[in-house]
Amino acid sequence: MEKKRVVVAMSGGVDSSVAAWLLKEQGYDVIGATMCIGTTDTDGEGAARCCSLSDIEDARRVALQIGIPFYVFHLREAFEKEIIDYFCEEYRRGRTPNPCVLCNEKMKFGFFLQKALELGVDGMATGHYAQVHLDEGTGRYLLKKGADRRKDQSYVLFSLSQGQLRYVLFPSGGIGRRRSGRKPWKSAFVSMTSPRARRSASFTRPRIIRS
């Protein structure tokens, strides 16, 4: 993809913040955006949950520091239908759900991508440690492991389609182990984001699943 206009899916954490910074440094016209899926900051027992209002504020603050526009995409209804309902239904059937993989496919690279394209951008980027290469021989986009195999996240993106991969950039995916360890800007982003934003968290609040 030529260096054009790109929306970065910002979670408020370090990886997506670094992705936005890298693209701006490389000359892209960068826009930051975050999903609002209606979750509160904790699950009632102190545990932080992703896409909370605090996450949105963290992402907004980082976008301001980087100097890029920032949007919030309201996707609560889609999230309830595509992820929460699926999650509960899988448990009803006695199966183990995999909401993170489905959330990537349906939400981040589905509804979020569509919202991003409505802004007239050429593509979107995330902080995933993975790579996308165009095979000139077949015309297909290939999902590959990140250069730093310790951080590779390509396995959670296996379900992405060609129609999704053609719009995607992974700025951090090509950074190898030695290079990533020497970047002073990464420490700066760690200090800008809260500890809550730097750990994985459940997205669900306690619910009774009736058979």
C-alpha atoms as a PDB file:
ATOM      1  CA  MET A   1       0.000   0.000   0.000  1.00  0.00           C
ATOM      2  CA  GLU A   2       1.301   3.479  -0.864  1.00  0.00           C
ATOM      3  CA  LYS A   3       1.714   5.945   1.974  1.00  0.00           C
ATOM      4  CA  LYS A   4      -1.803   7.300   2.040  1.00  0.00           C
ATOM      5  CA  ARG A   5      -4.582   7.874   4.572  1.00  0.00           C
ATOM      6  CA  VAL A   6      -4.960   5.192   7.255  1.00  0.00           C
ATOM      7  CA  VAL A   7      -7.128   4.670  10.339  1.00  0.00           C
ATOM      8  CA  VAL A   8      -5.342   3.033  13.262  1.00  0.00           C
ATOM      9  CA  ALA A   9      -7.489   0.940  15.604  1.00  0.00           C
ATOM     10  CA  MET A  10      -6.306   2.297  18.954  1.00  0.00           C
ATOM     11  CA  SER A  11      -7.005   0.365  22.156  1.00  0.00           C
ATOM     12  CA  GLY A  12      -5.288   2.777  24.500  1.00  0.00           C
ATOM     13  CA  GLY A  13      -2.451   0.285  24.953  1.00  0.00           C
ATOM     14  CA  VAL A  14       1.196   0.394  23.937  1.00  0.00           C
ATOM     15  CA  ASP A  15       1.119  -1.709  20.753  1.00  0.00           C
ATOM     16  CA  SER A  16      -1.580   0.257  18.915  1.00  0.00           C
ATOM     17  CA  SER A  17      -0.067   3.546  20.115  1.00  0.00           C
ATOM     18  CA  VAL A  18       3.292   2.547  18.658  1.00  0.00           C
ATOM     19  CA  ALA A  19       1.593   1.509  15.398  1.00  0.00           C
ATOM     20  CA  ALA A  20       0.030   4.966  15.048  1.00  0.00           C
ATOM     21  CA  TRP A  21       3.338   6.684  15.801  1.00  0.00           C
ATOM     22  CA  LEU A  22       5.275   4.523  13.332  1.00  0.00           C
ATOM     23  CA  LEU A  23       2.857   5.257  10.485  1.00  0.00           C
ATOM     24  CA  LYS A  24       2.967   8.991  11.123  1.00  0.00           C
ATOM     25  CA  GLU A  25       6.773   8.898  11.164  1.00  0.00           C
ATOM     26  CA  GLN A  26       6.676   7.046   7.828  1.00  0.00           C
ATOM     27  CA  GLY A  27       4.623   9.806   6.232  1.00  0.00           C
ATOM     28  CA  TYR A  28       1.103   8.390   6.357  1.00  0.00           C
ATOM     29  CA  ASP A  29      -1.923  10.606   6.953  1.00  0.00           C
ATOM     30  CA  VAL A  30      -2.984   8.918  10.212  1.00  0.00           C
ATOM     31  CA  ILE A  31      -6.353   8.933  11.978  1.00  0.00           C
ATOM     32  CA  GLY A  32      -6.893   7.256  15.339  1.00  0.00           C
ATOM     33  CA  ALA A  33     -10.149   5.510  16.244  1.00  0.00           C
ATOM     34  CA  THR A  34     -11.499   3.296  19.013  1.00  0.00           C
ATOM     35  CA  MET A  35     -14.543   1.055  19.353  1.00  0.00           C
ATOM     36  CA  CYS A  36     -17.145   1.849  21.979  1.00  0.00           C
ATOM     37  CA  ILE A  37     -19.009  -1.369  22.791  1.00  0.00           C
ATOM     38  CA  GLY A  38     -20.791  -0.201  25.933  1.00  0.00           C
ATOM     39  CA  THR A  39     -18.590  -1.869  28.546  1.00  0.00           C
ATOM     40  CA  THR A  40     -17.816  -0.251  31.885  1.00  0.00           C
ATOM     41  CA  ASP A  41     -14.318  -0.007  33.311  1.00  0.00           C
ATOM     42  CA  THR A  42     -14.504  -3.121  35.532  1.00  0.00           C
ATOM     43  CA  ASP A  43     -16.513  -6.297  35.893  1.00  0.00           C
ATOM     44  CA  GLY A  44     -17.628  -5.411  39.430  1.00  0.00           C
ATOM     45  CA  GLU A  45     -14.712  -7.228  41.059  1.00  0.00           C
ATOM     46  CA  GLY A  46     -11.960  -4.795  40.112  1.00  0.00           C
ATOM     47  CA  ALA A  47     -10.836  -6.500  36.899  1.00  0.00           C
ATOM     48  CA  ALA A  48     -10.443  -4.162  33.928  1.00  0.00           C
ATOM     49  CA  ARG A  49     -12.299  -4.956  30.709  1.00  0.00           C
ATOM     50  CA  CYS A  50     -11.348  -4.086  27.156  1.00  0.00           C
ATOM     51  CA  CYS A  51     -12.934  -1.258  25.155  1.00  0.00           C
ATOM     52  CA  SER A  52     -14.020   0.514  28.339  1.00  0.00           C
ATOM     53  CA  LEU A  53     -14.473   4.267  28.708  1.00  0.00           C
ATOM     54  CA  SER A  54     -11.022   4.477  30.289  1.00  0.00           C
ATOM     55  CA  ASP A  55      -9.522   2.712  27.273  1.00  0.00           C
ATOM     56  CA  ILE A  56     -11.176   5.262  24.998  1.00  0.00           C
ATOM     57  CA  GLU A  57      -9.758   8.102  27.081  1.00  0.00           C
ATOM     58  CA  ASP A  58      -6.290   6.536  27.004  1.00  0.00           C
ATOM     59  CA  ALA A  59      -6.463   6.247  23.212  1.00  0.00           C
ATOM     60  CA  ARG A  60      -7.704   9.828  22.863  1.00  0.00           C
ATOM     61  CA  ARG A  61      -4.839  11.089  25.027  1.00  0.00           C
ATOM     62  CA  VAL A  62      -2.238   9.211  22.975  1.00  0.00           C
ATOM     63  CA  ALA A  63      -3.744  10.505  19.700  1.00  0.00           C
ATOM     64  CA  LEU A  64      -3.468  14.038  21.085  1.00  0.00           C
ATOM     65  CA  GLN A  65       0.179  13.474  22.013  1.00  0.00           C
ATOM     66  CA  ILE A  66       0.984  12.077  18.570  1.00  0.00           C
ATOM     67  CA  GLY A  67      -0.955  14.893  16.892  1.00  0.00           C
ATOM     68  CA  ILE A  68      -3.580  12.951  14.937  1.00  0.00           C
ATOM     69  CA  PRO A  69      -7.401  13.214  14.685  1.00  0.00           C
ATOM     70  CA  PHE A  70      -9.382  10.809  16.849  1.00  0.00           C
ATOM     71  CA  TYR A  71     -12.811   9.201  16.418  1.00  0.00           C
ATOM     72  CA  VAL A  72     -14.993   6.847  18.452  1.00  0.00           C
ATOM     73  CA  PHE A  73     -17.001   4.226  16.550  1.00  0.00           C
ATOM     74  CA  HIS A  74     -20.128   3.178  18.461  1.00  0.00           C
ATOM     75  CA  LEU A  75     -20.599  -0.555  17.835  1.00  0.00           C
ATOM     76  CA  ARG A  76     -22.446  -1.787  20.905  1.00  0.00           C
ATOM     77  CA  GLU A  77     -25.357  -3.442  19.076  1.00  0.00           C
ATOM     78  CA  ALA A  78     -23.068  -5.259  16.663  1.00  0.00           C
ATOM     79  CA  PHE A  79     -20.863  -6.440  19.542  1.00  0.00           C
ATOM     80  CA  GLU A  80     -23.830  -7.780  21.504  1.00  0.00           C
ATOM     81  CA  LYS A  81     -25.124  -9.679  18.480  1.00  0.00           C
ATOM     82  CA  GLU A  82     -21.883 -10.986  16.994  1.00  0.00           C
ATOM     83  CA  ILE A  83     -19.789 -11.642  20.108  1.00  0.00           C
ATOM     84  CA  ILE A  84     -21.812 -11.755  23.344  1.00  0.00           C
ATOM     85  CA  ASP A  85     -24.684 -13.788  21.901  1.00  0.00           C
ATOM     86  CA  TYR A  86     -22.219 -16.161  20.228  1.00  0.00           C
ATOM     87  CA  PHE A  87     -20.254 -16.507  23.477  1.00  0.00           C
ATOM     88  CA  CYS A  88     -23.346 -17.447  25.482  1.00  0.00           C
ATOM     89  CA  GLU A  89     -24.725 -19.770  22.807  1.00  0.00           C
ATOM     90  CA  GLU A  90     -21.475 -21.736  22.612  1.00  0.00           C
ATOM     91  CA  TYR A  91     -21.606 -22.341  26.364  1.00  0.00           C
ATOM     92  CA  ARG A  92     -25.226 -23.443  26.107  1.00  0.00           C
ATOM     93  CA  ARG A  93     -24.118 -26.040  23.563  1.00  0.00           C
ATOM     94  CA  GLY A  94     -21.304 -27.252  25.808  1.00  0.00           C
ATOM     95  CA  ARG A  95     -18.563 -25.841  23.578  1.00  0.00           C
ATOM     96  CA  THR A  96     -15.644 -23.561  24.421  1.00  0.00           C
ATOM     97  CA  PRO A  97     -16.056 -20.202  22.655  1.00  0.00           C
ATOM     98  CA  ASN A  98     -13.172 -18.273  21.121  1.00  0.00           C
ATOM     99  CA  PRO A  99     -14.459 -14.686  21.304  1.00  0.00           C
ATOM    100  CA  CYS A 100     -11.119 -12.963  20.603  1.00  0.00           C
ATOM    101  CA  VAL A 101     -10.699 -14.587  17.188  1.00  0.00           C
ATOM    102  CA  LEU A 102     -14.300 -13.833  16.270  1.00  0.00           C
ATOM    103  CA  CYS A 103     -13.994 -10.280  17.568  1.00  0.00           C
ATOM    104  CA  ASN A 104     -11.048  -9.693  15.240  1.00  0.00           C
ATOM    105  CA  GLU A 105     -12.925 -11.110  12.263  1.00  0.00           C
ATOM    106  CA  LYS A 106     -16.382  -9.624  12.862  1.00  0.00           C
ATOM    107  CA  MET A 107     -15.696  -6.440  14.826  1.00  0.00           C
ATOM    108  CA  LYS A 108     -12.203  -5.005  14.340  1.00  0.00           C
ATOM    109  CA  PHE A 109     -11.726  -6.131  10.734  1.00  0.00           C
ATOM    110  CA  GLY A 110     -15.450  -6.139  10.012  1.00  0.00           C
ATOM    111  CA  PHE A 111     -17.666  -3.375  11.394  1.00  0.00           C
ATOM    112  CA  PHE A 112     -14.721  -1.227  12.502  1.00  0.00           C
ATOM    113  CA  LEU A 113     -13.066  -1.504   9.082  1.00  0.00           C
ATOM    114  CA  GLN A 114     -16.297  -0.495   7.358  1.00  0.00           C
ATOM    115  CA  LYS A 115     -16.603   2.567   9.605  1.00  0.00           C
ATOM    116  CA  ALA A 116     -13.009   3.446   8.807  1.00  0.00           C
ATOM    117  CA  LEU A 117     -13.572   3.169   5.052  1.00  0.00           C
ATOM    118  CA  GLU A 118     -16.551   5.524   5.372  1.00  0.00           C
ATOM    119  CA  LEU A 119     -14.021   8.199   6.356  1.00  0.00           C
ATOM    120  CA  GLY A 120     -12.496   7.882   2.898  1.00  0.00           C
ATOM    121  CA  VAL A 121      -9.268   6.202   4.006  1.00  0.00           C
ATOM    122  CA  ASP A 122      -7.187   3.750   2.012  1.00  0.00           C
ATOM    123  CA  GLY A 123      -6.882   1.186   4.787  1.00  0.00           C
ATOM    124  CA  MET A 124      -6.576   0.483   8.488  1.00  0.00           C
ATOM    125  CA  ALA A 125      -3.785  -0.567  10.809  1.00  0.00           C
ATOM    126  CA  THR A 126      -3.562  -2.312  14.168  1.00  0.00           C
ATOM    127  CA  GLY A 127      -0.831  -3.060  16.678  1.00  0.00           C
ATOM    128  CA  HIS A 128      -0.794  -6.802  15.947  1.00  0.00           C
ATOM    129  CA  TYR A 129       2.598  -8.453  15.511  1.00  0.00           C
ATOM    130  CA  ALA A 130       1.912  -9.993  12.106  1.00  0.00           C
ATOM    131  CA  GLN A 131       2.657  -9.229   8.456  1.00  0.00           C
ATOM    132  CA  VAL A 132       0.653  -9.111   5.233  1.00  0.00           C
ATOM    133  CA  HIS A 133       2.392  -9.614   1.887  1.00  0.00           C
ATOM    134  CA  LEU A 134       0.909  -9.542  -1.605  1.00  0.00           C
ATOM    135  CA  ASP A 135       1.872 -12.592  -3.661  1.00  0.00           C
ATOM    136  CA  GLU A 136       2.443 -11.065  -7.096  1.00  0.00           C
ATOM    137  CA  GLY A 137       2.123 -14.468  -8.756  1.00  0.00           C
ATOM    138  CA  THR A 138      -1.321 -15.313  -7.423  1.00  0.00           C
ATOM    139  CA  GLY A 139      -2.625 -11.858  -6.559  1.00  0.00           C
ATOM    140  CA  ARG A 140      -3.475 -13.108  -3.069  1.00  0.00           C
ATOM    141  CA  TYR A 141      -2.639 -11.458   0.243  1.00  0.00           C
ATOM    142  CA  LEU A 142      -0.662 -13.714   2.570  1.00  0.00           C
ATOM    143  CA  LEU A 143      -0.859 -13.483   6.345  1.00  0.00           C
ATOM    144  CA  LYS A 144       2.566 -14.162   7.831  1.00  0.00           C
ATOM    145  CA  LYS A 145       4.161 -14.306  11.255  1.00  0.00           C
ATOM    146  CA  GLY A 146       5.668 -11.207  12.812  1.00  0.00           C
ATOM    147  CA  ALA A 147       9.420 -10.725  12.445  1.00  0.00           C
ATOM    148  CA  ASP A 148       9.794 -11.110  16.215  1.00  0.00           C
ATOM    149  CA  ARG A 149       8.521 -14.670  16.652  1.00  0.00           C
ATOM    150  CA  ARG A 150       8.255 -14.219  20.440  1.00  0.00           C
ATOM    151  CA  LYS A 151       5.472 -11.696  19.900  1.00  0.00           C
ATOM    152  CA  ASP A 152       3.799 -13.217  16.840  1.00  0.00           C
ATOM    153  CA  GLN A 153      -0.003 -12.782  16.793  1.00  0.00           C
ATOM    154  CA  SER A 154      -0.814 -14.017  13.295  1.00  0.00           C
ATOM    155  CA  TYR A 155      -2.588 -17.049  14.787  1.00  0.00           C
ATOM    156  CA  VAL A 156      -5.462 -14.897  16.094  1.00  0.00           C
ATOM    157  CA  LEU A 157      -5.978 -13.457  12.600  1.00  0.00           C
ATOM    158  CA  PHE A 158      -6.230 -16.733  10.676  1.00  0.00           C
ATOM    159  CA  SER A 159      -9.905 -16.216   9.804  1.00  0.00           C
ATOM    160  CA  LEU A 160      -9.434 -12.895   7.985  1.00  0.00           C
ATOM    161  CA  SER A 161     -10.554 -12.933   4.365  1.00  0.00           C
ATOM    162  CA  GLN A 162      -8.824 -11.582   1.266  1.00  0.00           C
ATOM    163  CA  GLY A 163     -11.337  -8.729   1.283  1.00  0.00           C
ATOM    164  CA  GLN A 164     -10.145  -7.770   4.756  1.00  0.00           C
ATOM    165  CA  LEU A 165      -6.402  -8.367   4.340  1.00  0.00           C
ATOM    166  CA  ARG A 166      -6.195  -6.091   1.305  1.00  0.00           C
ATOM    167  CA  TYR A 167      -6.898  -3.069   3.524  1.00  0.00           C
ATOM    168  CA  VAL A 168      -4.696  -3.993   6.480  1.00  0.00           C
ATOM    169  CA  LEU A 169      -1.339  -2.726   7.703  1.00  0.00           C
ATOM    170  CA  PHE A 170       0.618  -4.106  10.668  1.00  0.00           C
ATOM    171  CA  PRO A 171       3.342  -1.468  11.266  1.00  0.00           C
ATOM    172  CA  SER A 172       4.966  -3.359  14.159  1.00  0.00           C
ATOM    173  CA  GLY A 173       4.942  -6.731  12.400  1.00  0.00           C
ATOM    174  CA  GLY A 174       8.179  -6.187  10.537  1.00  0.00           C
ATOM    175  CA  ILE A 175      10.171  -5.068  13.581  1.00  0.00           C
ATOM    176  CA  GLY A 176      12.604  -7.756  14.642  1.00  0.00           C
ATOM    177  CA  ARG A 177      13.590  -8.701  18.171  1.00  0.00           C
ATOM    178  CA  ARG A 178      16.831  -6.675  18.326  1.00  0.00           C
ATOM    179  CA  ARG A 179      15.282  -3.539  16.804  1.00  0.00           C
ATOM    180  CA  SER A 180      12.182  -3.568  19.001  1.00  0.00           C
ATOM    181  CA  GLY A 181      14.269  -3.857  22.152  1.00  0.00           C
ATOM    182  CA  ARG A 182      16.241  -0.727  21.345  1.00  0.00           C
ATOM    183  CA  LYS A 183      13.431   1.674  20.547  1.00  0.00           C
ATOM    184  CA  PRO A 184      13.285   4.490  23.145  1.00  0.00           C
ATOM    185  CA  TRP A 185       9.804   5.547  21.991  1.00  0.00           C
ATOM    186  CA  LYS A 186       8.281   2.335  23.282  1.00  0.00           C
ATOM    187  CA  SER A 187       9.156   3.278  26.868  1.00  0.00           C
ATOM    188  CA  ALA A 188       7.498   6.644  26.296  1.00  0.00           C
ATOM    189  CA  PHE A 189       4.230   4.980  25.291  1.00  0.00           C
ATOM    190  CA  VAL A 190       4.361   2.645  28.304  1.00  0.00           C
ATOM    191  CA  SER A 191       4.452   5.713  30.544  1.00  0.00           C
ATOM    192  CA  MET A 192       1.575   7.347  28.606  1.00  0.00           C
ATOM    193  CA  THR A 193      -0.793   4.388  28.967  1.00  0.00           C
ATOM    194  CA  SER A 194      -2.264   3.078  32.197  1.00  0.00           C
ATOM    195  CA  PRO A 195      -1.356  -0.361  33.642  1.00  0.00           C
ATOM    196  CA  ARG A 196      -4.985  -1.379  33.080  1.00  0.00           C
ATOM    197  CA  ALA A 197      -4.640  -0.704  29.346  1.00  0.00           C
ATOM    198  CA  ARG A 198      -1.534  -2.852  29.088  1.00  0.00           C
ATOM    199  CA  ARG A 199      -3.044  -6.162  30.134  1.00  0.00           C
ATOM    200  CA  SER A 200      -5.609  -8.472  28.630  1.00  0.00           C
ATOM    201  CA  ALA A 201      -9.063  -8.294  30.115  1.00  0.00           C
ATOM    202  CA  SER A 202     -12.425  -9.965  29.910  1.00  0.00           C
ATOM    203  CA  PHE A 203     -15.132  -8.154  27.974  1.00  0.00           C
ATOM    204  CA  THR A 204     -18.123  -9.721  29.684  1.00  0.00           C
ATOM    205  CA  ARG A 205     -20.005  -8.822  32.814  1.00  0.00           C
ATOM    206  CA  PRO A 206     -21.420 -11.687  34.915  1.00  0.00           C
ATOM    207  CA  ARG A 207     -24.446 -13.230  33.215  1.00  0.00           C
ATOM    208  CA  ILE A 208     -26.631 -16.222  33.972  1.00  0.00           C
ATOM    209  CA  ILE A 209     -26.736 -18.584  31.014  1.00  0.00           C
ATOM    210  CA  ARG A 210     -29.889 -20.652  31.142  1.00  0.00           C
ATOM    211  CA  SER A 211     -30.175 -23.910  29.268  1.00  0.00           C
END
